[in-house]
């Protein structure tokens, strides 16, 4: 609730609302970590095509989800140079 008050004051003065920006960044990083942990539990070692979606619930809660494709990434096998 206090964060909303500070954000309201900052938004009236213009510019970035740092209180909200910091929380969104933390939530995005947590969503990304959870997606990577879930990929690892499936045997993958990477997530490609990561996409983030935000939605607001009850005007006070912002949900952030991260989705992507879990893959097993391997180094590229290069062909030997021609003789």
PDB file of N, CA and C in Angstrom:
ATOM      1  N   UNK A   1       0.829  -1.186   0.000  1.00  0.00           N
ATOM      2  CA  UNK A   1       0.000   0.000   0.000  1.00  0.00           C
ATOM      3  C   UNK A   1       0.873   1.250   0.000  1.00  0.00           C
ATOM      4  N   UNK A   2       1.959   1.226   0.797  1.00  0.00           N
ATOM      5  CA  UNK A   2       2.859   2.373   0.851  1.00  0.00           C
ATOM      6  C   UNK A   2       3.529   2.618  -0.489  1.00  0.00           C
ATOM      7  N   UNK A   3       3.845   1.516  -1.193  1.00  0.00           N
ATOM      8  CA  UNK A   3       4.464   1.632  -2.509  1.00  0.00           C
ATOM      9  C   UNK A   3       3.551   2.320  -3.499  1.00  0.00           C
ATOM     10  N   UNK A   4       2.248   2.029  -3.407  1.00  0.00           N
ATOM     11  CA  UNK A   4       1.273   2.678  -4.292  1.00  0.00           C
ATOM     12  C   UNK A   4       1.216   4.174  -4.013  1.00  0.00           C
ATOM     13  N   UNK A   5       1.315   4.558  -2.736  1.00  0.00           N
ATOM     14  CA  UNK A   5       1.278   5.972  -2.367  1.00  0.00           C
ATOM     15  C   UNK A   5       2.495   6.697  -2.943  1.00  0.00           C
ATOM     16  N   UNK A   6       3.674   6.110  -2.760  1.00  0.00           N
ATOM     17  CA  UNK A   6       4.899   6.711  -3.291  1.00  0.00           C
ATOM     18  C   UNK A   6       4.821   6.780  -4.807  1.00  0.00           C
ATOM     19  N   UNK A   7       4.336   5.717  -5.435  1.00  0.00           N
ATOM     20  CA  UNK A   7       4.209   5.689  -6.889  1.00  0.00           C
ATOM     21  C   UNK A   7       3.249   6.770  -7.374  1.00  0.00           C
ATOM     22  N   UNK A   8       2.161   6.972  -6.647  1.00  0.00           N
ATOM     23  CA  UNK A   8       1.203   8.008  -7.015  1.00  0.00           C
ATOM     24  C   UNK A   8       1.828   9.390  -6.970  1.00  0.00           C
ATOM     25  N   UNK A   9       2.615   9.644  -5.947  1.00  0.00           N
ATOM     26  CA  UNK A   9       3.282  10.944  -5.818  1.00  0.00           C
ATOM     27  C   UNK A   9       4.294  11.117  -6.945  1.00  0.00           C
ATOM     28  N   UNK A  10       5.096  10.067  -7.234  1.00  0.00           N
ATOM     29  CA  UNK A  10       6.084  10.159  -8.306  1.00  0.00           C
ATOM     30  C   UNK A  10       5.418  10.358  -9.657  1.00  0.00           C
ATOM     31  N   UNK A  11       4.309   9.689  -9.902  1.00  0.00           N
ATOM     32  CA  UNK A  11       3.651   9.814 -11.201  1.00  0.00           C
ATOM     33  C   UNK A  11       3.077  11.210 -11.396  1.00  0.00           C
ATOM     34  N   UNK A  12       2.657  11.870 -10.324  1.00  0.00           N
ATOM     35  CA  UNK A  12       2.150  13.245 -10.445  1.00  0.00           C
ATOM     36  C   UNK A  12       3.273  14.196 -10.834  1.00  0.00           C
ATOM     37  N   UNK A  13       4.498  13.900 -10.387  1.00  0.00           N
ATOM     38  CA  UNK A  13       5.624  14.777 -10.681  1.00  0.00           C
ATOM     39  C   UNK A  13       6.237  14.437 -12.040  1.00  0.00           C
ATOM     40  N   UNK A  14       5.843  13.348 -12.639  1.00  0.00           N
ATOM     41  CA  UNK A  14       6.347  12.950 -13.948  1.00  0.00           C
ATOM     42  C   UNK A  14       7.579  12.086 -13.833  1.00  0.00           C
ATOM     43  N   UNK A  15       7.899  11.409 -14.925  1.00  0.00           N
ATOM     44  CA  UNK A  15       9.090  10.563 -14.940  1.00  0.00           C
ATOM     45  C   UNK A  15       8.793   9.139 -14.533  1.00  0.00           C
ATOM     46  N   UNK A  16       9.867   8.398 -14.348  1.00  0.00           N
ATOM     47  CA  UNK A  16       9.762   6.980 -14.003  1.00  0.00           C
ATOM     48  C   UNK A  16       9.303   6.800 -12.561  1.00  0.00           C
ATOM     49  N   UNK A  17       8.454   5.822 -12.349  1.00  0.00           N
ATOM     50  CA  UNK A  17       7.990   5.474 -11.010  1.00  0.00           C
ATOM     51  C   UNK A  17       8.909   4.363 -10.505  1.00  0.00           C
ATOM     52  N   UNK A  18       9.990   4.771  -9.837  1.00  0.00           N
ATOM     53  CA  UNK A  18      11.038   3.818  -9.467  1.00  0.00           C
ATOM     54  C   UNK A  18      10.566   2.731  -8.505  1.00  0.00           C
ATOM     55  N   UNK A  19       9.633   3.060  -7.620  1.00  0.00           N
ATOM     56  CA  UNK A  19       9.150   2.057  -6.659  1.00  0.00           C
ATOM     57  C   UNK A  19       8.491   0.892  -7.395  1.00  0.00           C
ATOM     58  N   UNK A  20       7.730   1.188  -8.407  1.00  0.00           N
ATOM     59  CA  UNK A  20       7.055   0.127  -9.167  1.00  0.00           C
ATOM     60  C   UNK A  20       8.039  -0.558 -10.108  1.00  0.00           C
ATOM     61  N   UNK A  21       8.903   0.212 -10.743  1.00  0.00           N
ATOM     62  CA  UNK A  21       9.878  -0.357 -11.674  1.00  0.00           C
ATOM     63  C   UNK A  21      10.745  -1.403 -10.986  1.00  0.00           C
ATOM     64  N   UNK A  22      11.226  -1.116  -9.804  1.00  0.00           N
ATOM     65  CA  UNK A  22      12.075  -2.057  -9.071  1.00  0.00           C
ATOM     66  C   UNK A  22      11.332  -3.350  -8.752  1.00  0.00           C
ATOM     67  N   UNK A  23      10.076  -3.236  -8.356  1.00  0.00           N
ATOM     68  CA  UNK A  23       9.289  -4.433  -8.029  1.00  0.00           C
ATOM     69  C   UNK A  23       8.998  -5.253  -9.278  1.00  0.00           C
ATOM     70  N   UNK A  24       8.731  -4.604 -10.397  1.00  0.00           N
ATOM     71  CA  UNK A  24       8.466  -5.321 -11.647  1.00  0.00           C
ATOM     72  C   UNK A  24       9.723  -6.062 -12.098  1.00  0.00           C
ATOM     73  N   UNK A  25      10.884  -5.433 -11.962  1.00  0.00           N
ATOM     74  CA  UNK A  25      12.139  -6.086 -12.338  1.00  0.00           C
ATOM     75  C   UNK A  25      12.377  -7.315 -11.462  1.00  0.00           C
ATOM     76  N   UNK A  26      12.140  -7.190 -10.157  1.00  0.00           N
ATOM     77  CA  UNK A  26      12.312  -8.343  -9.258  1.00  0.00           C
ATOM     78  C   UNK A  26      11.346  -9.463  -9.638  1.00  0.00           C
ATOM     79  N   UNK A  27      10.099  -9.120  -9.933  1.00  0.00           N
ATOM     80  CA  UNK A  27       9.106 -10.134 -10.292  1.00  0.00           C
ATOM     81  C   UNK A  27       9.462 -10.803 -11.620  1.00  0.00           C
ATOM     82  N   UNK A  28       9.946 -10.017 -12.588  1.00  0.00           N
ATOM     83  CA  UNK A  28      10.348 -10.580 -13.878  1.00  0.00           C
ATOM     84  C   UNK A  28      11.507 -11.561 -13.689  1.00  0.00           C
ATOM     85  N   UNK A  29      12.494 -11.181 -12.888  1.00  0.00           N
ATOM     86  CA  UNK A  29      13.640 -12.060 -12.645  1.00  0.00           C
ATOM     87  C   UNK A  29      13.218 -13.349 -11.941  1.00  0.00           C
ATOM     88  N   UNK A  30      12.271 -13.243 -11.013  1.00  0.00           N
ATOM     89  CA  UNK A  30      11.785 -14.438 -10.324  1.00  0.00           C
ATOM     90  C   UNK A  30      11.028 -15.349 -11.289  1.00  0.00           C
ATOM     91  N   UNK A  31      10.212 -14.768 -12.161  1.00  0.00           N
ATOM     92  CA  UNK A  31       9.478 -15.568 -13.148  1.00  0.00           C
ATOM     93  C   UNK A  31      10.456 -16.275 -14.084  1.00  0.00           C
ATOM     94  N   UNK A  32      11.524 -15.577 -14.490  1.00  0.00           N
ATOM     95  CA  UNK A  32      12.527 -16.167 -15.373  1.00  0.00           C
ATOM     96  C   UNK A  32      13.266 -17.304 -14.656  1.00  0.00           C
ATOM     97  N   UNK A  33      13.609 -17.096 -13.391  1.00  0.00           N
ATOM     98  CA  UNK A  33      14.289 -18.146 -12.623  1.00  0.00           C
ATOM     99  C   UNK A  33      13.414 -19.381 -12.487  1.00  0.00           C
ATOM    100  N   UNK A  34      12.134 -19.170 -12.234  1.00  0.00           N
ATOM    101  CA  UNK A  34      11.216 -20.318 -12.107  1.00  0.00           C
ATOM    102  C   UNK A  34      11.102 -21.072 -13.422  1.00  0.00           C
ATOM    103  N   UNK A  35      11.052 -20.350 -14.538  1.00  0.00           N
ATOM    104  CA  UNK A  35      10.971 -21.009 -15.847  1.00  0.00           C
ATOM    105  C   UNK A  35      12.229 -21.828 -16.102  1.00  0.00           C
ATOM    106  N   UNK A  36      13.389 -21.299 -15.757  1.00  0.00           N
ATOM    107  CA  UNK A  36      14.645 -22.023 -15.961  1.00  0.00           C
ATOM    108  C   UNK A  36      14.733 -23.241 -15.036  1.00  0.00           C
ATOM    109  N   UNK A  37      14.271 -23.097 -13.789  1.00  0.00           N
ATOM    110  CA  UNK A  37      14.268 -24.237 -12.860  1.00  0.00           C
ATOM    111  C   UNK A  37      13.358 -25.349 -13.379  1.00  0.00           C
ATOM    112  N   UNK A  38      12.203 -24.965 -13.901  1.00  0.00           N
ATOM    113  CA  UNK A  38      11.281 -25.967 -14.426  1.00  0.00           C
ATOM    114  C   UNK A  38      11.883 -26.658 -15.652  1.00  0.00           C
ATOM    115  N   UNK A  39      12.566 -25.898 -16.498  1.00  0.00           N
ATOM    116  CA  UNK A  39      13.227 -26.489 -17.665  1.00  0.00           C
ATOM    117  C   UNK A  39      14.294 -27.492 -17.230  1.00  0.00           C
ATOM    118  N   UNK A  40      15.080 -27.130 -16.225  1.00  0.00           N
ATOM    119  CA  UNK A  40      16.113 -28.042 -15.715  1.00  0.00           C
ATOM    120  C   UNK A  40      15.498 -29.322 -15.167  1.00  0.00           C
ATOM    121  N   UNK A  41      14.342 -29.196 -14.512  1.00  0.00           N
ATOM    122  CA  UNK A  41      13.692 -30.394 -13.967  1.00  0.00           C
ATOM    123  C   UNK A  41      13.213 -31.325 -15.080  1.00  0.00           C
ATOM    124  N   UNK A  42      13.065 -30.793 -16.288  1.00  0.00           N
ATOM    125  CA  UNK A  42      12.665 -31.602 -17.443  1.00  0.00           C
ATOM    126  C   UNK A  42      13.882 -32.155 -18.192  1.00  0.00           C
ATOM    127  N   UNK A  43      15.086 -31.807 -17.721  1.00  0.00           N
ATOM    128  CA  UNK A  43      16.296 -32.291 -18.365  1.00  0.00           C
ATOM    129  C   UNK A  43      16.895 -31.319 -19.375  1.00  0.00           C
ATOM    130  N   UNK A  44      16.335 -30.136 -19.487  1.00  0.00           N
ATOM    131  CA  UNK A  44      16.850 -29.136 -20.426  1.00  0.00           C
ATOM    132  C   UNK A  44      17.984 -28.354 -19.781  1.00  0.00           C
ATOM    133  N   UNK A  45      18.784 -27.694 -20.615  1.00  0.00           N
ATOM    134  CA  UNK A  45      19.844 -26.847 -20.078  1.00  0.00           C
ATOM    135  C   UNK A  45      19.721 -25.402 -20.569  1.00  0.00           C
ATOM    136  N   UNK A  46      18.615 -25.102 -21.263  1.00  0.00           N
ATOM    137  CA  UNK A  46      18.396 -23.735 -21.747  1.00  0.00           C
ATOM    138  C   UNK A  46      16.911 -23.525 -22.017  1.00  0.00           C
ATOM    139  N   UNK A  47      16.526 -22.270 -22.044  1.00  0.00           N
ATOM    140  CA  UNK A  47      15.166 -21.887 -22.426  1.00  0.00           C
ATOM    141  C   UNK A  47      15.296 -20.872 -23.549  1.00  0.00           C
ATOM    142  N   UNK A  48      14.626 -21.128 -24.665  1.00  0.00           N
ATOM    143  CA  UNK A  48      14.680 -20.192 -25.787  1.00  0.00           C
ATOM    144  C   UNK A  48      13.298 -19.584 -26.026  1.00  0.00           C
ATOM    145  N   UNK A  49      13.281 -18.449 -26.684  1.00  0.00           N
ATOM    146  CA  UNK A  49      12.017 -17.793 -27.005  1.00  0.00           C
ATOM    147  C   UNK A  49      11.261 -17.346 -25.766  1.00  0.00           C
ATOM    148  N   UNK A  50      11.981 -16.888 -24.751  1.00  0.00           N
ATOM    149  CA  UNK A  50      11.355 -16.465 -23.498  1.00  0.00           C
ATOM    150  C   UNK A  50      10.436 -15.275 -23.767  1.00  0.00           C
ATOM    151  N   UNK A  51       9.226 -15.370 -23.257  1.00  0.00           N
ATOM    152  CA  UNK A  51       8.234 -14.315 -23.425  1.00  0.00           C
ATOM    153  C   UNK A  51       7.661 -13.981 -22.051  1.00  0.00           C
ATOM    154  N   UNK A  52       7.471 -12.699 -21.795  1.00  0.00           N
ATOM    155  CA  UNK A  52       6.928 -12.254 -20.515  1.00  0.00           C
ATOM    156  C   UNK A  52       5.560 -11.638 -20.737  1.00  0.00           C
ATOM    157  N   UNK A  53       4.656 -11.937 -19.816  1.00  0.00           N
ATOM    158  CA  UNK A  53       3.310 -11.367 -19.898  1.00  0.00           C
ATOM    159  C   UNK A  53       2.952 -10.801 -18.534  1.00  0.00           C
ATOM    160  N   UNK A  54       2.344  -9.639 -18.535  1.00  0.00           N
ATOM    161  CA  UNK A  54       1.895  -9.044 -17.278  1.00  0.00           C
ATOM    162  C   UNK A  54       0.392  -8.884 -17.311  1.00  0.00           C
ATOM    163  N   UNK A  55      -0.218  -9.018 -16.158  1.00  0.00           N
ATOM    164  CA  UNK A  55      -1.653  -8.776 -16.036  1.00  0.00           C
ATOM    165  C   UNK A  55      -1.929  -8.239 -14.642  1.00  0.00           C
ATOM    166  N   UNK A  56      -2.908  -7.382 -14.563  1.00  0.00           N
ATOM    167  CA  UNK A  56      -3.263  -6.765 -13.290  1.00  0.00           C
ATOM    168  C   UNK A  56      -4.516  -7.431 -12.746  1.00  0.00           C
ATOM    169  N   UNK A  57      -4.480  -7.750 -11.461  1.00  0.00           N
ATOM    170  CA  UNK A  57      -5.601  -8.414 -10.809  1.00  0.00           C
ATOM    171  C   UNK A  57      -6.053  -7.541  -9.647  1.00  0.00           C
ATOM    172  N   UNK A  58      -7.297  -7.224  -9.583  1.00  0.00           N
ATOM    173  CA  UNK A  58      -7.881  -6.441  -8.490  1.00  0.00           C
ATOM    174  C   UNK A  58      -7.214  -5.078  -8.301  1.00  0.00           C
ATOM    175  N   UNK A  59      -6.625  -4.526  -9.342  1.00  0.00           N
ATOM    176  CA  UNK A  59      -5.987  -3.213  -9.333  1.00  0.00           C
ATOM    177  C   UNK A  59      -4.850  -3.071  -8.321  1.00  0.00           C
ATOM    178  N   UNK A  60      -4.504  -4.105  -7.607  1.00  0.00           N
ATOM    179  CA  UNK A  60      -3.434  -4.003  -6.615  1.00  0.00           C
ATOM    180  C   UNK A  60      -2.356  -5.052  -6.826  1.00  0.00           C
ATOM    181  N   UNK A  61      -2.640  -6.077  -7.599  1.00  0.00           N
ATOM    182  CA  UNK A  61      -1.699  -7.171  -7.790  1.00  0.00           C
ATOM    183  C   UNK A  61      -1.358  -7.263  -9.274  1.00  0.00           C
ATOM    184  N   UNK A  62      -0.075  -7.268  -9.569  1.00  0.00           N
ATOM    185  CA  UNK A  62       0.376  -7.436 -10.945  1.00  0.00           C
ATOM    186  C   UNK A  62       1.047  -8.803 -11.042  1.00  0.00           C
ATOM    187  N   UNK A  63       0.560  -9.623 -11.967  1.00  0.00           N
ATOM    188  CA  UNK A  63       1.131 -10.950 -12.190  1.00  0.00           C
ATOM    189  C   UNK A  63       2.059 -10.884 -13.391  1.00  0.00           C
ATOM    190  N   UNK A  64       3.211 -11.516 -13.271  1.00  0.00           N
ATOM    191  CA  UNK A  64       4.151 -11.592 -14.378  1.00  0.00           C
ATOM    192  C   UNK A  64       4.448 -13.061 -14.616  1.00  0.00           C
ATOM    193  N   UNK A  65       4.255 -13.508 -15.851  1.00  0.00           N
ATOM    194  CA  UNK A  65       4.559 -14.899 -16.179  1.00  0.00           C
ATOM    195  C   UNK A  65       5.617 -14.927 -17.274  1.00  0.00           C
ATOM    196  N   UNK A  66       6.436 -15.960 -17.240  1.00  0.00           N
ATOM    197  CA  UNK A  66       7.476 -16.157 -18.242  1.00  0.00           C
ATOM    198  C   UNK A  66       7.262 -17.515 -18.883  1.00  0.00           C
ATOM    199  N   UNK A  67       7.236 -17.544 -20.197  1.00  0.00           N
ATOM    200  CA  UNK A  67       7.095 -18.805 -20.912  1.00  0.00           C
ATOM    201  C   UNK A  67       8.186 -18.894 -21.972  1.00  0.00           C
ATOM    202  N   UNK A  68       8.546 -20.093 -22.316  1.00  0.00           N
ATOM    203  CA  UNK A  68       9.558 -20.321 -23.337  1.00  0.00           C
ATOM    204  C   UNK A  68       9.614 -21.799 -23.648  1.00  0.00           C
ATOM    205  N   UNK A  69      10.555 -22.158 -24.486  1.00  0.00           N
ATOM    206  CA  UNK A  69      10.723 -23.544 -24.888  1.00  0.00           C
ATOM    207  C   UNK A  69      11.990 -24.102 -24.241  1.00  0.00           C
ATOM    208  N   UNK A  70      11.817 -25.177 -23.472  1.00  0.00           N
ATOM    209  CA  UNK A  70      12.951 -25.828 -22.821  1.00  0.00           C
ATOM    210  C   UNK A  70      13.673 -26.682 -23.859  1.00  0.00           C
ATOM    211  N   UNK A  71      15.003 -26.507 -23.954  1.00  0.00           N
ATOM    212  CA  UNK A  71      15.791 -27.245 -24.951  1.00  0.00           C
ATOM    213  C   UNK A  71      17.080 -27.765 -24.324  1.00  0.00           C
ATOM    214  N   UNK A  72      17.692 -28.691 -25.020  1.00  0.00           N
ATOM    215  CA  UNK A  72      19.035 -29.136 -24.665  1.00  0.00           C
ATOM    216  C   UNK A  72      19.959 -28.520 -25.706  1.00  0.00           C
ATOM    217  N   UNK A  73      20.713 -27.531 -25.286  1.00  0.00           N
ATOM    218  CA  UNK A  73      21.633 -26.840 -26.185  1.00  0.00           C
ATOM    219  C   UNK A  73      22.983 -27.537 -26.162  1.00  0.00           C
ATOM    220  N   UNK A  74      23.547 -27.752 -27.330  1.00  0.00           N
ATOM    221  CA  UNK A  74      24.844 -28.392 -27.454  1.00  0.00           C
ATOM    222  C   UNK A  74      25.730 -27.527 -28.335  1.00  0.00           C
ATOM    223  N   UNK A  75      27.047 -27.595 -28.131  1.00  0.00           N
ATOM    224  CA  UNK A  75      27.952 -26.832 -28.999  1.00  0.00           C
ATOM    225  C   UNK A  75      27.808 -27.283 -30.451  1.00  0.00           C
ATOM    226  N   UNK A  76      27.949 -26.349 -31.347  1.00  0.00           N
ATOM    227  CA  UNK A  76      27.861 -26.650 -32.766  1.00  0.00           C
ATOM    228  C   UNK A  76      29.047 -27.524 -33.175  1.00  0.00           C
ATOM    229  N   UNK A  77      28.775 -28.574 -33.928  1.00  0.00           N
ATOM    230  CA  UNK A  77      29.818 -29.456 -34.441  1.00  0.00           C
ATOM    231  C   UNK A  77      30.277 -28.904 -35.792  1.00  0.00           C
ATOM    232  N   UNK A  78      31.516 -28.463 -35.849  1.00  0.00           N
ATOM    233  CA  UNK A  78      32.042 -27.900 -37.094  1.00  0.00           C
ATOM    234  C   UNK A  78      32.724 -28.992 -37.911  1.00  0.00           C
ATOM    235  N   UNK A  79      32.537 -28.909 -39.198  1.00  0.00           N
ATOM    236  CA  UNK A  79      33.177 -29.857 -40.104  1.00  0.00           C
ATOM    237  C   UNK A  79      34.661 -29.540 -40.195  1.00  0.00           C
ATOM    238  N   UNK A  80      35.503 -30.546 -40.343  1.00  0.00           N
ATOM    239  CA  UNK A  80      36.946 -30.273 -40.483  1.00  0.00           C
ATOM    240  C   UNK A  80      37.212 -29.484 -41.767  1.00  0.00           C
ATOM    241  N   UNK A  81      38.253 -28.660 -41.781  1.00  0.00           N
ATOM    242  CA  UNK A  81      38.538 -27.883 -42.993  1.00  0.00           C
ATOM    243  C   UNK A  81      38.927 -28.809 -44.151  1.00  0.00           C
ATOM    244  N   UNK A  82      38.612 -28.390 -45.366  1.00  0.00           N
ATOM    245  CA  UNK A  82      38.964 -29.250 -46.526  1.00  0.00           C
ATOM    246  C   UNK A  82      40.493 -29.347 -46.675  1.00  0.00           C
ATOM    247  N   UNK A  83      40.960 -30.455 -47.204  1.00  0.00           N
ATOM    248  CA  UNK A  83      42.417 -30.641 -47.340  1.00  0.00           C
ATOM    249  C   UNK A  83      43.049 -29.691 -48.337  1.00  0.00           C
TER     250      UNK A  83
END
